[in-house]
Amino acid sequence: MDKSSISKPSLRRLPVYLSYLKTLPPSTRTISATAVAAALGLNEVQVRKDLSAASSSGGRPKMGYSVEELIADLEEFLGYRNTKDAILIGVGRLGGALLSFTGFQACGMRIAAAFDNDPMKIGTCIGGVQIHDILDFPIVCPHMGAHIGILTTSPEHAQALCDLMLEHGILAIWNFSTAHLEVPDNIIVHNENLAVSLAMISHDLEEMLDKEGGKNS
């Protein structure tokens, strides 16, 4: 399968399909794209295209997909069966919560080490992950062989720490700071901006309430 041919919106939907499939009872042996679309409130044609792009088994006429095979195909396509190590910088409340989260490994990622400059945190562990002194990053990070960096620091320090990551082998950054990171073209940055998500939720909520108000007037 050519993973580069799938669109980003489709790629964002695949984990949603996978999560839904894993909630089905064991007695559900097969499922159609139509049933998946109906359960998730999505467009049937789009779901069918997404599943066809990600699954090598293909849906069978009148039977649909084998649930077991479809789950395996989606996990393979998303890289969940090939665990990638990551490092985290910034063990504040958010960083600590990410270290405590047990679901990353099921999604193909393991946080191998964390870094901070707080003497009270250095040498301790959260979620089984050891917290190192940020001054030891140039030694520890290359030894880990990780290529994913998770940045959960304040925005004023984010760029300097991003540069530190790139100097020592990090190729993709999951950025939870609100800073805009300047990186070379060959580096991947995914910005997880909670303020943007909240703004979208607030906007959609106001739209819904306005519509409800219009109906009731």
C-alpha atoms as a PDB file:
ATOM      1  CA  MET A   1       0.000   0.000   0.000  1.00  0.00           C
ATOM      2  CA  ASP A   2       1.171   3.520  -0.849  1.00  0.00           C
ATOM      3  CA  LYS A   3       0.787   5.403   2.415  1.00  0.00           C
ATOM      4  CA  SER A   4       1.820   8.690   0.818  1.00  0.00           C
ATOM      5  CA  SER A   5      -1.300   8.711  -1.368  1.00  0.00           C
ATOM      6  CA  ILE A   6      -3.782   9.022   1.520  1.00  0.00           C
ATOM      7  CA  SER A   7      -4.951  12.517   2.454  1.00  0.00           C
ATOM      8  CA  LYS A   8      -4.394  13.989   5.914  1.00  0.00           C
ATOM      9  CA  PRO A   9      -8.146  14.191   6.661  1.00  0.00           C
ATOM     10  CA  SER A  10      -8.437  10.483   5.793  1.00  0.00           C
ATOM     11  CA  LEU A  11      -5.419   9.694   7.958  1.00  0.00           C
ATOM     12  CA  ARG A  12      -7.049  11.498  10.893  1.00  0.00           C
ATOM     13  CA  ARG A  13     -10.172   9.371  10.486  1.00  0.00           C
ATOM     14  CA  LEU A  14      -8.401   5.995  10.483  1.00  0.00           C
ATOM     15  CA  PRO A  15      -7.737   5.920  14.279  1.00  0.00           C
ATOM     16  CA  VAL A  16     -11.430   6.743  14.795  1.00  0.00           C
ATOM     17  CA  TYR A  17     -12.418   3.686  12.744  1.00  0.00           C
ATOM     18  CA  LEU A  18      -9.907   1.560  14.606  1.00  0.00           C
ATOM     19  CA  SER A  19     -11.169   2.658  18.028  1.00  0.00           C
ATOM     20  CA  TYR A  20     -14.735   1.889  16.996  1.00  0.00           C
ATOM     21  CA  LEU A  21     -13.862  -1.553  15.638  1.00  0.00           C
ATOM     22  CA  LYS A  22     -12.169  -2.448  18.914  1.00  0.00           C
ATOM     23  CA  THR A  23     -15.399  -1.723  20.805  1.00  0.00           C
ATOM     24  CA  LEU A  24     -17.381  -4.308  18.821  1.00  0.00           C
ATOM     25  CA  PRO A  25     -18.337  -7.527  20.622  1.00  0.00           C
ATOM     26  CA  PRO A  26     -16.362 -10.660  19.692  1.00  0.00           C
ATOM     27  CA  SER A  27     -19.458 -12.075  18.030  1.00  0.00           C
ATOM     28  CA  THR A  28     -19.204  -9.402  15.306  1.00  0.00           C
ATOM     29  CA  ARG A  29     -17.092 -11.183  12.711  1.00  0.00           C
ATOM     30  CA  THR A  30     -17.696  -8.912   9.706  1.00  0.00           C
ATOM     31  CA  ILE A  31     -18.697  -5.314   9.155  1.00  0.00           C
ATOM     32  CA  SER A  32     -19.454  -3.140   6.143  1.00  0.00           C
ATOM     33  CA  ALA A  33     -18.268   0.378   5.402  1.00  0.00           C
ATOM     34  CA  THR A  34     -21.945   1.353   5.486  1.00  0.00           C
ATOM     35  CA  ALA A  35     -22.272   0.108   9.075  1.00  0.00           C
ATOM     36  CA  VAL A  36     -19.083   1.905  10.166  1.00  0.00           C
ATOM     37  CA  ALA A  37     -20.285   5.147   8.574  1.00  0.00           C
ATOM     38  CA  ALA A  38     -23.706   4.872  10.236  1.00  0.00           C
ATOM     39  CA  ALA A  39     -22.225   4.153  13.663  1.00  0.00           C
ATOM     40  CA  LEU A  40     -19.854   7.117  13.482  1.00  0.00           C
ATOM     41  CA  GLY A  41     -22.145   9.542  11.677  1.00  0.00           C
ATOM     42  CA  LEU A  42     -19.813   9.857   8.691  1.00  0.00           C
ATOM     43  CA  ASN A  43     -20.237   9.880   4.922  1.00  0.00           C
ATOM     44  CA  GLU A  44     -20.516   6.313   3.619  1.00  0.00           C
ATOM     45  CA  VAL A  45     -18.605   6.979   0.385  1.00  0.00           C
ATOM     46  CA  GLN A  46     -15.741   8.613   2.299  1.00  0.00           C
ATOM     47  CA  VAL A  47     -15.520   5.765   4.811  1.00  0.00           C
ATOM     48  CA  ARG A  48     -15.437   3.230   1.983  1.00  0.00           C
ATOM     49  CA  LYS A  49     -12.585   5.129   0.273  1.00  0.00           C
ATOM     50  CA  ASP A  50     -10.650   5.449   3.533  1.00  0.00           C
ATOM     51  CA  LEU A  51     -10.905   1.755   4.336  1.00  0.00           C
ATOM     52  CA  SER A  52     -10.011   0.743   0.782  1.00  0.00           C
ATOM     53  CA  ALA A  53      -6.877   2.904   0.946  1.00  0.00           C
ATOM     54  CA  ALA A  54      -5.747   1.442   4.259  1.00  0.00           C
ATOM     55  CA  SER A  55      -6.807  -2.191   4.011  1.00  0.00           C
ATOM     56  CA  SER A  56      -5.246  -4.816   1.773  1.00  0.00           C
ATOM     57  CA  SER A  57      -7.970  -7.374   2.507  1.00  0.00           C
ATOM     58  CA  GLY A  58     -10.786  -5.400   0.883  1.00  0.00           C
ATOM     59  CA  GLY A  59     -14.476  -5.604   1.648  1.00  0.00           C
ATOM     60  CA  ARG A  60     -16.349  -8.635   0.354  1.00  0.00           C
ATOM     61  CA  PRO A  61     -19.670  -8.127  -1.470  1.00  0.00           C
ATOM     62  CA  LYS A  62     -22.654  -8.547   0.885  1.00  0.00           C
ATOM     63  CA  MET A  63     -20.281  -9.504   3.722  1.00  0.00           C
ATOM     64  CA  GLY A  64     -18.056  -6.487   4.224  1.00  0.00           C
ATOM     65  CA  TYR A  65     -14.704  -6.674   5.981  1.00  0.00           C
ATOM     66  CA  SER A  66     -13.482  -9.248   8.429  1.00  0.00           C
ATOM     67  CA  VAL A  67     -13.299  -7.214  11.652  1.00  0.00           C
ATOM     68  CA  GLU A  68     -10.140  -9.016  12.777  1.00  0.00           C
ATOM     69  CA  GLU A  69      -8.386  -8.471   9.434  1.00  0.00           C
ATOM     70  CA  LEU A  70      -9.501  -4.846   9.205  1.00  0.00           C
ATOM     71  CA  ILE A  71      -8.165  -4.075  12.685  1.00  0.00           C
ATOM     72  CA  ALA A  72      -4.835  -5.677  11.744  1.00  0.00           C
ATOM     73  CA  ASP A  73      -4.690  -3.711   8.471  1.00  0.00           C
ATOM     74  CA  LEU A  74      -5.423  -0.387  10.166  1.00  0.00           C
ATOM     75  CA  GLU A  75      -2.846  -1.006  12.905  1.00  0.00           C
ATOM     76  CA  GLU A  76      -0.276  -1.912  10.260  1.00  0.00           C
ATOM     77  CA  PHE A  77      -1.090   1.132   8.116  1.00  0.00           C
ATOM     78  CA  LEU A  78      -0.919   3.496  11.103  1.00  0.00           C
ATOM     79  CA  GLY A  79       2.367   2.009  12.298  1.00  0.00           C
ATOM     80  CA  TYR A  80       0.926   0.806  15.600  1.00  0.00           C
ATOM     81  CA  ARG A  81       2.712  -2.532  15.269  1.00  0.00           C
ATOM     82  CA  ASN A  82       6.136  -0.892  14.924  1.00  0.00           C
ATOM     83  CA  THR A  83       6.771   0.892  18.231  1.00  0.00           C
ATOM     84  CA  LYS A  84       8.787   4.094  17.917  1.00  0.00           C
ATOM     85  CA  ASP A  85      10.684   5.604  20.840  1.00  0.00           C
ATOM     86  CA  ALA A  86      10.167   9.231  21.812  1.00  0.00           C
ATOM     87  CA  ILE A  87      11.701  11.623  24.333  1.00  0.00           C
ATOM     88  CA  LEU A  88       9.879  14.339  26.247  1.00  0.00           C
ATOM     89  CA  ILE A  89      11.193  17.712  27.426  1.00  0.00           C
ATOM     90  CA  GLY A  90       9.305  19.577  30.139  1.00  0.00           C
ATOM     91  CA  VAL A  91       7.882  17.576  33.038  1.00  0.00           C
ATOM     92  CA  GLY A  92       5.267  20.055  34.254  1.00  0.00           C
ATOM     93  CA  ARG A  93       1.633  19.139  34.756  1.00  0.00           C
ATOM     94  CA  LEU A  94       1.047  18.427  31.071  1.00  0.00           C
ATOM     95  CA  GLY A  95       4.332  16.595  30.612  1.00  0.00           C
ATOM     96  CA  GLY A  96       3.659  14.524  33.716  1.00  0.00           C
ATOM     97  CA  ALA A  97       0.185  13.662  32.465  1.00  0.00           C
ATOM     98  CA  LEU A  98       1.600  12.475  29.136  1.00  0.00           C
ATOM     99  CA  LEU A  99       4.170  10.333  30.942  1.00  0.00           C
ATOM    100  CA  SER A 100       1.380   8.774  33.006  1.00  0.00           C
ATOM    101  CA  PHE A 101      -0.793   8.031  29.979  1.00  0.00           C
ATOM    102  CA  THR A 102      -0.777   4.291  29.268  1.00  0.00           C
ATOM    103  CA  GLY A 103      -2.255   4.386  25.768  1.00  0.00           C
ATOM    104  CA  PHE A 104       0.726   5.543  23.720  1.00  0.00           C
ATOM    105  CA  GLN A 105       2.269   2.101  23.304  1.00  0.00           C
ATOM    106  CA  ALA A 106      -0.961   0.752  21.820  1.00  0.00           C
ATOM    107  CA  CYS A 107      -0.605   3.524  19.223  1.00  0.00           C
ATOM    108  CA  GLY A 108       2.957   2.591  18.341  1.00  0.00           C
ATOM    109  CA  MET A 109       4.910   5.043  20.514  1.00  0.00           C
ATOM    110  CA  ARG A 110       6.893   4.634  23.731  1.00  0.00           C
ATOM    111  CA  ILE A 111       8.274   7.551  25.734  1.00  0.00           C
ATOM    112  CA  ALA A 112      11.766   6.291  26.503  1.00  0.00           C
ATOM    113  CA  ALA A 113      13.058   9.214  28.558  1.00  0.00           C
ATOM    114  CA  ALA A 114      12.054  12.620  29.906  1.00  0.00           C
ATOM    115  CA  PHE A 115      14.099  15.747  30.637  1.00  0.00           C
ATOM    116  CA  ASP A 116      13.674  18.709  32.966  1.00  0.00           C
ATOM    117  CA  ASN A 117      15.767  21.251  34.913  1.00  0.00           C
ATOM    118  CA  ASP A 118      13.948  20.884  38.244  1.00  0.00           C
ATOM    119  CA  PRO A 119      16.276  19.220  40.810  1.00  0.00           C
ATOM    120  CA  MET A 120      13.227  17.829  42.625  1.00  0.00           C
ATOM    121  CA  LYS A 121      12.160  15.904  39.513  1.00  0.00           C
ATOM    122  CA  ILE A 122      15.542  14.803  38.143  1.00  0.00           C
ATOM    123  CA  GLY A 123      16.237  11.155  38.985  1.00  0.00           C
ATOM    124  CA  THR A 124      12.596  10.348  39.688  1.00  0.00           C
ATOM    125  CA  CYS A 125      10.212   8.362  37.505  1.00  0.00           C
ATOM    126  CA  ILE A 126       6.684   9.004  36.253  1.00  0.00           C
ATOM    127  CA  GLY A 127       4.812   6.182  34.575  1.00  0.00           C
ATOM    128  CA  GLY A 128       7.993   4.121  34.591  1.00  0.00           C
ATOM    129  CA  VAL A 129       9.892   6.794  32.630  1.00  0.00           C
ATOM    130  CA  GLN A 130      13.061   8.211  34.181  1.00  0.00           C
ATOM    131  CA  ILE A 131      13.470  11.986  34.301  1.00  0.00           C
ATOM    132  CA  HIS A 132      16.958  13.188  33.363  1.00  0.00           C
ATOM    133  CA  ASP A 133      18.703  16.522  33.779  1.00  0.00           C
ATOM    134  CA  ILE A 134      18.265  18.578  30.609  1.00  0.00           C
ATOM    135  CA  LEU A 135      22.037  19.188  30.713  1.00  0.00           C
ATOM    136  CA  ASP A 136      22.498  15.478  30.010  1.00  0.00           C
ATOM    137  CA  PHE A 137      20.364  15.600  26.862  1.00  0.00           C
ATOM    138  CA  PRO A 138      23.336  15.579  24.424  1.00  0.00           C
ATOM    139  CA  ILE A 139      24.529  12.306  25.977  1.00  0.00           C
ATOM    140  CA  VAL A 140      21.270  10.499  26.743  1.00  0.00           C
ATOM    141  CA  CYS A 141      19.217  11.301  23.636  1.00  0.00           C
ATOM    142  CA  PRO A 142      21.628   9.889  20.999  1.00  0.00           C
ATOM    143  CA  HIS A 143      22.041   6.777  23.141  1.00  0.00           C
ATOM    144  CA  MET A 144      18.248   6.283  23.134  1.00  0.00           C
ATOM    145  CA  GLY A 145      18.114   6.425  19.331  1.00  0.00           C
ATOM    146  CA  ALA A 146      14.743   8.214  19.468  1.00  0.00           C
ATOM    147  CA  HIS A 147      13.556  10.286  16.509  1.00  0.00           C
ATOM    148  CA  ILE A 148      10.369  11.750  18.037  1.00  0.00           C
ATOM    149  CA  GLY A 149      10.508  14.653  20.477  1.00  0.00           C
ATOM    150  CA  ILE A 150       7.593  15.810  22.635  1.00  0.00           C
ATOM    151  CA  LEU A 151       7.867  19.439  23.715  1.00  0.00           C
ATOM    152  CA  THR A 152       5.767  20.446  26.739  1.00  0.00           C
ATOM    153  CA  THR A 153       7.637  23.556  27.881  1.00  0.00           C
ATOM    154  CA  SER A 154       6.801  27.238  28.186  1.00  0.00           C
ATOM    155  CA  PRO A 155       6.847  29.075  24.819  1.00  0.00           C
ATOM    156  CA  GLU A 156       9.826  31.281  25.693  1.00  0.00           C
ATOM    157  CA  HIS A 157      12.132  28.250  25.934  1.00  0.00           C
ATOM    158  CA  ALA A 158      10.548  26.166  23.168  1.00  0.00           C
ATOM    159  CA  GLN A 159      12.728  27.239  20.226  1.00  0.00           C
ATOM    160  CA  ALA A 160      16.017  26.710  22.077  1.00  0.00           C
ATOM    161  CA  LEU A 161      14.900  23.254  23.212  1.00  0.00           C
ATOM    162  CA  CYS A 162      13.646  22.452  19.723  1.00  0.00           C
ATOM    163  CA  ASP A 163      17.105  23.331  18.374  1.00  0.00           C
ATOM    164  CA  LEU A 164      18.657  21.081  21.021  1.00  0.00           C
ATOM    165  CA  MET A 165      16.448  18.199  19.904  1.00  0.00           C
ATOM    166  CA  LEU A 166      17.378  18.659  16.264  1.00  0.00           C
ATOM    167  CA  GLU A 167      21.092  18.764  17.062  1.00  0.00           C
ATOM    168  CA  HIS A 168      20.863  15.287  18.603  1.00  0.00           C
ATOM    169  CA  GLY A 169      18.824  13.206  16.178  1.00  0.00           C
ATOM    170  CA  ILE A 170      15.188  14.217  16.623  1.00  0.00           C
ATOM    171  CA  LEU A 171      13.390  14.319  13.266  1.00  0.00           C
ATOM    172  CA  ALA A 172       9.754  14.874  14.315  1.00  0.00           C
ATOM    173  CA  ILE A 173       8.433  17.150  17.068  1.00  0.00           C
ATOM    174  CA  TRP A 174       5.063  16.977  18.778  1.00  0.00           C
ATOM    175  CA  ASN A 175       4.796  20.568  19.983  1.00  0.00           C
ATOM    176  CA  PHE A 176       2.490  21.248  22.949  1.00  0.00           C
ATOM    177  CA  SER A 177       3.939  24.708  23.558  1.00  0.00           C
ATOM    178  CA  THR A 178       2.204  27.688  21.969  1.00  0.00           C
ATOM    179  CA  ALA A 179       5.434  28.780  20.281  1.00  0.00           C
ATOM    180  CA  HIS A 180       5.857  28.755  16.514  1.00  0.00           C
ATOM    181  CA  LEU A 181       8.940  26.613  15.903  1.00  0.00           C
ATOM    182  CA  GLU A 182      11.409  27.425  13.153  1.00  0.00           C
ATOM    183  CA  VAL A 183      12.756  24.166  11.725  1.00  0.00           C
ATOM    184  CA  PRO A 184      14.411  22.977   8.474  1.00  0.00           C
ATOM    185  CA  ASP A 185      12.163  21.675   5.691  1.00  0.00           C
ATOM    186  CA  ASN A 186      13.092  18.058   6.405  1.00  0.00           C
ATOM    187  CA  ILE A 187      11.826  18.196  10.008  1.00  0.00           C
ATOM    188  CA  ILE A 188       8.246  17.258  10.937  1.00  0.00           C
ATOM    189  CA  VAL A 189       6.375  19.456  13.427  1.00  0.00           C
ATOM    190  CA  HIS A 190       2.860  18.769  14.664  1.00  0.00           C
ATOM    191  CA  ASN A 191       1.429  21.573  16.800  1.00  0.00           C
ATOM    192  CA  GLU A 192      -1.014  20.469  19.483  1.00  0.00           C
ATOM    193  CA  ASN A 193      -2.464  23.854  20.421  1.00  0.00           C
ATOM    194  CA  LEU A 194      -5.100  23.465  23.133  1.00  0.00           C
ATOM    195  CA  ALA A 195      -6.156  27.120  22.759  1.00  0.00           C
ATOM    196  CA  VAL A 196      -7.025  26.543  19.091  1.00  0.00           C
ATOM    197  CA  SER A 197      -9.070  23.451  19.948  1.00  0.00           C
ATOM    198  CA  LEU A 198     -10.922  25.369  22.668  1.00  0.00           C
ATOM    199  CA  ALA A 199     -11.624  28.230  20.238  1.00  0.00           C
ATOM    200  CA  MET A 200     -13.112  25.763  17.741  1.00  0.00           C
ATOM    201  CA  ILE A 201     -15.282  24.145  20.411  1.00  0.00           C
ATOM    202  CA  SER A 202     -16.497  27.556  21.613  1.00  0.00           C
ATOM    203  CA  HIS A 203     -17.248  28.655  18.051  1.00  0.00           C
ATOM    204  CA  ASP A 204     -19.204  25.493  17.246  1.00  0.00           C
ATOM    205  CA  LEU A 205     -21.085  25.709  20.545  1.00  0.00           C
ATOM    206  CA  GLU A 206     -22.120  29.311  19.882  1.00  0.00           C
ATOM    207  CA  GLU A 207     -23.292  28.360  16.393  1.00  0.00           C
ATOM    208  CA  MET A 208     -25.359  25.499  17.793  1.00  0.00           C
ATOM    209  CA  LEU A 209     -26.905  27.674  20.511  1.00  0.00           C
ATOM    210  CA  ASP A 210     -27.737  30.381  17.946  1.00  0.00           C
ATOM    211  CA  LYS A 211     -29.507  27.788  15.781  1.00  0.00           C
ATOM    212  CA  GLU A 212     -31.387  26.397  18.764  1.00  0.00           C
ATOM    213  CA  GLY A 213     -32.376  29.926  19.758  1.00  0.00           C
ATOM    214  CA  GLY A 214     -33.642  30.588  16.242  1.00  0.00           C
ATOM    215  CA  LYS A 215     -35.762  27.433  16.330  1.00  0.00           C
ATOM    216  CA  ASN A 216     -37.314  28.390  19.661  1.00  0.00           C
ATOM    217  CA  SER A 217     -38.080  31.995  18.736  1.00  0.00           C
END
